[in-house]
Amino acid sequence: MKHNPYQLLWLLPIVFTFHNLEELLVMEFTSFSFSKMPEFLESLYQFNTVALAMILLTLAVTMVIYLDYRLKTKATLYLSILCCGLLFINSLSHIGQFIVLKEYVPGFITALLLMMPFTLYVLILYVTNGFISIKRLFIILAISIVTMGPLIILFLVISRILT
């Protein structure tokens, strides 16, 4: 049976929520330290700030997916693919951190077992179903690499202001 990305895309916010929960639980219930970060970033990584940022990020992803289901425009399609790309790159960064640091990092388990395989599969579906060319997918993945860090910092700063 050939799948269409829209048959699975609604699961993206749920997968992202599980990943966020793993990160939050590790932050709250372990002694994981962010002391290796620059002071500015370390000040943003307070539990309440991170929790709100994760909620806002998940709501943003959910809104993009919802709009894509409702409107099905080129803009919402590319935003949905960008969301998948960002979460795919995020999962790769968790796996990379685990390899480099040689220790568990928050979010590693769900990144490896859930988010990376799911987003990769959905991205492959976008290509195999003709929604996007492989060239454009790689452009979106490159954009994801460049924008992931600034987007996370932006949501942390907004959350810091709101808390």
C-alpha atoms as a PDB file:
ATOM      1  CA  MET A   1       0.000   0.000   0.000  1.00  0.00           C
ATOM      2  CA  LYS A   2       1.417   3.352  -1.045  1.00  0.00           C
ATOM      3  CA  HIS A   3       1.128   5.994   1.670  1.00  0.00           C
ATOM      4  CA  ASN A   4       0.534   9.673   1.159  1.00  0.00           C
ATOM      5  CA  PRO A   5       2.263  12.080   3.599  1.00  0.00           C
ATOM      6  CA  TYR A   6      -1.132  13.487   4.575  1.00  0.00           C
ATOM      7  CA  GLN A   7      -2.122  10.087   5.972  1.00  0.00           C
ATOM      8  CA  LEU A   8       0.632  10.455   8.596  1.00  0.00           C
ATOM      9  CA  LEU A   9       1.373  14.167   8.874  1.00  0.00           C
ATOM     10  CA  TRP A  10      -1.193  14.716  11.644  1.00  0.00           C
ATOM     11  CA  LEU A  11       1.028  12.515  13.850  1.00  0.00           C
ATOM     12  CA  LEU A  12       3.914  15.009  13.662  1.00  0.00           C
ATOM     13  CA  PRO A  13       2.769  17.179  16.613  1.00  0.00           C
ATOM     14  CA  ILE A  14       2.203  14.005  18.665  1.00  0.00           C
ATOM     15  CA  VAL A  15       5.685  12.676  17.887  1.00  0.00           C
ATOM     16  CA  PHE A  16       7.130  16.106  18.716  1.00  0.00           C
ATOM     17  CA  THR A  17       5.207  16.162  22.013  1.00  0.00           C
ATOM     18  CA  PHE A  18       6.689  12.813  23.092  1.00  0.00           C
ATOM     19  CA  HIS A  19      10.155  14.116  22.245  1.00  0.00           C
ATOM     20  CA  ASN A  20       9.558  17.324  24.220  1.00  0.00           C
ATOM     21  CA  LEU A  21       8.277  15.341  27.204  1.00  0.00           C
ATOM     22  CA  GLU A  22      11.435  13.248  27.282  1.00  0.00           C
ATOM     23  CA  GLU A  23      13.554  16.396  27.245  1.00  0.00           C
ATOM     24  CA  LEU A  24      11.510  18.064  29.987  1.00  0.00           C
ATOM     25  CA  LEU A  25      11.472  14.991  32.236  1.00  0.00           C
ATOM     26  CA  VAL A  26      15.226  14.658  31.963  1.00  0.00           C
ATOM     27  CA  MET A  27      15.692  18.345  32.752  1.00  0.00           C
ATOM     28  CA  GLU A  28      13.347  18.200  35.728  1.00  0.00           C
ATOM     29  CA  PHE A  29      14.277  14.860  37.281  1.00  0.00           C
ATOM     30  CA  THR A  30      18.001  14.463  36.600  1.00  0.00           C
ATOM     31  CA  SER A  31      21.077  16.482  37.243  1.00  0.00           C
ATOM     32  CA  PHE A  32      21.689  17.116  33.532  1.00  0.00           C
ATOM     33  CA  SER A  33      23.742  20.282  33.327  1.00  0.00           C
ATOM     34  CA  PHE A  34      23.782  22.969  30.694  1.00  0.00           C
ATOM     35  CA  SER A  35      26.933  24.479  32.182  1.00  0.00           C
ATOM     36  CA  LYS A  36      28.863  23.815  28.961  1.00  0.00           C
ATOM     37  CA  MET A  37      26.723  26.460  27.218  1.00  0.00           C
ATOM     38  CA  PRO A  38      27.468  30.149  26.838  1.00  0.00           C
ATOM     39  CA  GLU A  39      26.045  32.118  29.776  1.00  0.00           C
ATOM     40  CA  PHE A  40      23.330  33.761  27.634  1.00  0.00           C
ATOM     41  CA  LEU A  41      21.967  30.377  26.540  1.00  0.00           C
ATOM     42  CA  GLU A  42      22.320  28.865  29.995  1.00  0.00           C
ATOM     43  CA  SER A  43      20.120  31.646  31.389  1.00  0.00           C
ATOM     44  CA  LEU A  44      17.413  30.708  28.863  1.00  0.00           C
ATOM     45  CA  TYR A  45      17.457  27.058  29.880  1.00  0.00           C
ATOM     46  CA  GLN A  46      15.358  27.365  33.014  1.00  0.00           C
ATOM     47  CA  PHE A  47      12.662  24.722  33.352  1.00  0.00           C
ATOM     48  CA  ASN A  48       9.667  27.101  33.033  1.00  0.00           C
ATOM     49  CA  THR A  49      11.203  28.873  30.041  1.00  0.00           C
ATOM     50  CA  VAL A  50      12.029  25.630  28.227  1.00  0.00           C
ATOM     51  CA  ALA A  51       8.618  24.134  29.008  1.00  0.00           C
ATOM     52  CA  LEU A  52       6.788  27.167  27.601  1.00  0.00           C
ATOM     53  CA  ALA A  53       9.078  27.275  24.547  1.00  0.00           C
ATOM     54  CA  MET A  54       8.345  23.610  23.856  1.00  0.00           C
ATOM     55  CA  ILE A  55       4.606  24.220  24.171  1.00  0.00           C
ATOM     56  CA  LEU A  56       4.818  27.206  21.819  1.00  0.00           C
ATOM     57  CA  LEU A  57       6.947  25.265  19.315  1.00  0.00           C
ATOM     58  CA  THR A  58       4.532  22.344  19.381  1.00  0.00           C
ATOM     59  CA  LEU A  59       1.585  24.710  18.893  1.00  0.00           C
ATOM     60  CA  ALA A  60       3.388  26.337  15.959  1.00  0.00           C
ATOM     61  CA  VAL A  61       3.981  22.946  14.318  1.00  0.00           C
ATOM     62  CA  THR A  62       0.372  21.955  14.995  1.00  0.00           C
ATOM     63  CA  MET A  63      -0.907  25.197  13.445  1.00  0.00           C
ATOM     64  CA  VAL A  64       1.219  24.701  10.313  1.00  0.00           C
ATOM     65  CA  ILE A  65      -0.021  21.125   9.897  1.00  0.00           C
ATOM     66  CA  TYR A  66      -3.623  22.183  10.512  1.00  0.00           C
ATOM     67  CA  LEU A  67      -3.362  24.998   7.949  1.00  0.00           C
ATOM     68  CA  ASP A  68      -1.822  22.624   5.417  1.00  0.00           C
ATOM     69  CA  TYR A  69      -4.694  20.160   5.847  1.00  0.00           C
ATOM     70  CA  ARG A  70      -7.277  22.956   5.520  1.00  0.00           C
ATOM     71  CA  LEU A  71      -5.730  25.130   2.802  1.00  0.00           C
ATOM     72  CA  LYS A  72      -3.404  22.824   0.842  1.00  0.00           C
ATOM     73  CA  THR A  73      -1.512  25.715  -0.734  1.00  0.00           C
ATOM     74  CA  LYS A  74       2.103  25.719  -1.901  1.00  0.00           C
ATOM     75  CA  ALA A  75       3.012  27.891   1.098  1.00  0.00           C
ATOM     76  CA  THR A  76       1.447  25.548   3.657  1.00  0.00           C
ATOM     77  CA  LEU A  77       2.949  22.532   1.869  1.00  0.00           C
ATOM     78  CA  TYR A  78       6.447  23.988   2.097  1.00  0.00           C
ATOM     79  CA  LEU A  79       5.891  25.037   5.718  1.00  0.00           C
ATOM     80  CA  SER A  80       4.821  21.468   6.561  1.00  0.00           C
ATOM     81  CA  ILE A  81       7.883  20.074   4.816  1.00  0.00           C
ATOM     82  CA  LEU A  82      10.017  22.640   6.658  1.00  0.00           C
ATOM     83  CA  CYS A  83       8.506  21.494   9.989  1.00  0.00           C
ATOM     84  CA  CYS A  84       9.362  17.888   9.130  1.00  0.00           C
ATOM     85  CA  GLY A  85      12.834  18.977   8.048  1.00  0.00           C
ATOM     86  CA  LEU A  86      13.426  20.954  11.232  1.00  0.00           C
ATOM     87  CA  LEU A  87      12.347  18.044  13.418  1.00  0.00           C
ATOM     88  CA  PHE A  88      14.456  15.627  11.354  1.00  0.00           C
ATOM     89  CA  ILE A  89      17.537  17.856  11.735  1.00  0.00           C
ATOM     90  CA  ASN A  90      16.732  18.308  15.433  1.00  0.00           C
ATOM     91  CA  SER A  91      16.673  14.545  15.910  1.00  0.00           C
ATOM     92  CA  LEU A  92      19.992  14.220  14.068  1.00  0.00           C
ATOM     93  CA  SER A  93      21.469  16.885  16.356  1.00  0.00           C
ATOM     94  CA  HIS A  94      20.436  14.884  19.435  1.00  0.00           C
ATOM     95  CA  ILE A  95      22.014  11.760  17.972  1.00  0.00           C
ATOM     96  CA  GLY A  96      25.141  13.727  17.049  1.00  0.00           C
ATOM     97  CA  GLN A  97      25.399  15.192  20.552  1.00  0.00           C
ATOM     98  CA  PHE A  98      25.130  11.692  22.008  1.00  0.00           C
ATOM     99  CA  ILE A  99      27.959  10.480  19.766  1.00  0.00           C
ATOM    100  CA  VAL A 100      30.214  13.495  20.408  1.00  0.00           C
ATOM    101  CA  LEU A 101      29.595  13.776  24.161  1.00  0.00           C
ATOM    102  CA  LYS A 102      29.536   9.995  24.677  1.00  0.00           C
ATOM    103  CA  GLU A 103      26.701  10.414  27.162  1.00  0.00           C
ATOM    104  CA  TYR A 104      22.921  10.532  27.183  1.00  0.00           C
ATOM    105  CA  VAL A 105      21.492  13.893  26.152  1.00  0.00           C
ATOM    106  CA  PRO A 106      17.886  14.939  26.808  1.00  0.00           C
ATOM    107  CA  GLY A 107      15.647  13.816  23.956  1.00  0.00           C
ATOM    108  CA  PHE A 108      18.071  11.227  22.579  1.00  0.00           C
ATOM    109  CA  ILE A 109      15.813   8.184  22.944  1.00  0.00           C
ATOM    110  CA  THR A 110      12.770   9.662  21.236  1.00  0.00           C
ATOM    111  CA  ALA A 111      14.974  11.333  18.624  1.00  0.00           C
ATOM    112  CA  LEU A 112      16.555   7.998  17.703  1.00  0.00           C
ATOM    113  CA  LEU A 113      13.541   5.711  17.992  1.00  0.00           C
ATOM    114  CA  LEU A 114      10.624   7.960  17.099  1.00  0.00           C
ATOM    115  CA  MET A 115      11.267  11.389  15.638  1.00  0.00           C
ATOM    116  CA  MET A 116      14.107  10.635  13.210  1.00  0.00           C
ATOM    117  CA  PRO A 117      12.515   7.561  11.592  1.00  0.00           C
ATOM    118  CA  PHE A 118       9.066   9.185  11.452  1.00  0.00           C
ATOM    119  CA  THR A 119      10.186  12.486   9.918  1.00  0.00           C
ATOM    120  CA  LEU A 120      12.511  10.722   7.485  1.00  0.00           C
ATOM    121  CA  TYR A 121       9.647   8.493   6.337  1.00  0.00           C
ATOM    122  CA  VAL A 122       7.281  11.451   5.874  1.00  0.00           C
ATOM    123  CA  LEU A 123       9.961  13.397   3.974  1.00  0.00           C
ATOM    124  CA  ILE A 124      10.500  10.379   1.706  1.00  0.00           C
ATOM    125  CA  LEU A 125       6.740  10.217   1.148  1.00  0.00           C
ATOM    126  CA  TYR A 126       6.709  13.867   0.072  1.00  0.00           C
ATOM    127  CA  VAL A 127       9.304  13.044  -2.588  1.00  0.00           C
ATOM    128  CA  THR A 128       7.922   9.686  -3.739  1.00  0.00           C
ATOM    129  CA  ASN A 129       4.387  11.109  -4.035  1.00  0.00           C
ATOM    130  CA  GLY A 130       5.619  14.020  -6.145  1.00  0.00           C
ATOM    131  CA  PHE A 131       4.877  16.815  -3.670  1.00  0.00           C
ATOM    132  CA  ILE A 132       8.483  18.021  -3.835  1.00  0.00           C
ATOM    133  CA  SER A 133      11.621  17.215  -5.813  1.00  0.00           C
ATOM    134  CA  ILE A 134      14.646  15.737  -4.098  1.00  0.00           C
ATOM    135  CA  LYS A 135      16.574  18.927  -4.960  1.00  0.00           C
ATOM    136  CA  ARG A 136      14.003  21.127  -3.198  1.00  0.00           C
ATOM    137  CA  LEU A 137      13.933  18.746  -0.253  1.00  0.00           C
ATOM    138  CA  PHE A 138      17.686  19.164   0.181  1.00  0.00           C
ATOM    139  CA  ILE A 139      17.248  22.939  -0.017  1.00  0.00           C
ATOM    140  CA  ILE A 140      14.606  22.755   2.728  1.00  0.00           C
ATOM    141  CA  LEU A 141      16.911  20.532   4.827  1.00  0.00           C
ATOM    142  CA  ALA A 142      19.707  23.086   4.364  1.00  0.00           C
ATOM    143  CA  ILE A 143      17.313  25.848   5.452  1.00  0.00           C
ATOM    144  CA  SER A 144      16.389  23.664   8.442  1.00  0.00           C
ATOM    145  CA  ILE A 145      20.035  23.349   9.457  1.00  0.00           C
ATOM    146  CA  VAL A 146      20.547  27.114   9.278  1.00  0.00           C
ATOM    147  CA  THR A 147      17.297  28.129  10.984  1.00  0.00           C
ATOM    148  CA  MET A 148      16.902  25.482  13.701  1.00  0.00           C
ATOM    149  CA  GLY A 149      19.213  27.148  16.245  1.00  0.00           C
ATOM    150  CA  PRO A 150      17.879  30.692  15.770  1.00  0.00           C
ATOM    151  CA  LEU A 151      14.270  29.435  15.936  1.00  0.00           C
ATOM    152  CA  ILE A 152      14.929  27.600  19.202  1.00  0.00           C
ATOM    153  CA  ILE A 153      16.617  30.676  20.670  1.00  0.00           C
ATOM    154  CA  LEU A 154      13.766  32.903  19.458  1.00  0.00           C
ATOM    155  CA  PHE A 155      11.150  30.699  21.143  1.00  0.00           C
ATOM    156  CA  LEU A 156      13.270  30.553  24.321  1.00  0.00           C
ATOM    157  CA  VAL A 157      13.589  34.349  24.387  1.00  0.00           C
ATOM    158  CA  ILE A 158       9.840  34.780  23.830  1.00  0.00           C
ATOM    159  CA  SER A 159       9.188  32.240  26.594  1.00  0.00           C
ATOM    160  CA  ARG A 160      11.635  33.969  28.917  1.00  0.00           C
ATOM    161  CA  ILE A 161       9.804  37.261  28.367  1.00  0.00           C
ATOM    162  CA  LEU A 162       6.432  35.605  28.992  1.00  0.00           C
ATOM    163  CA  THR A 163       7.572  33.850  32.177  1.00  0.00           C
END
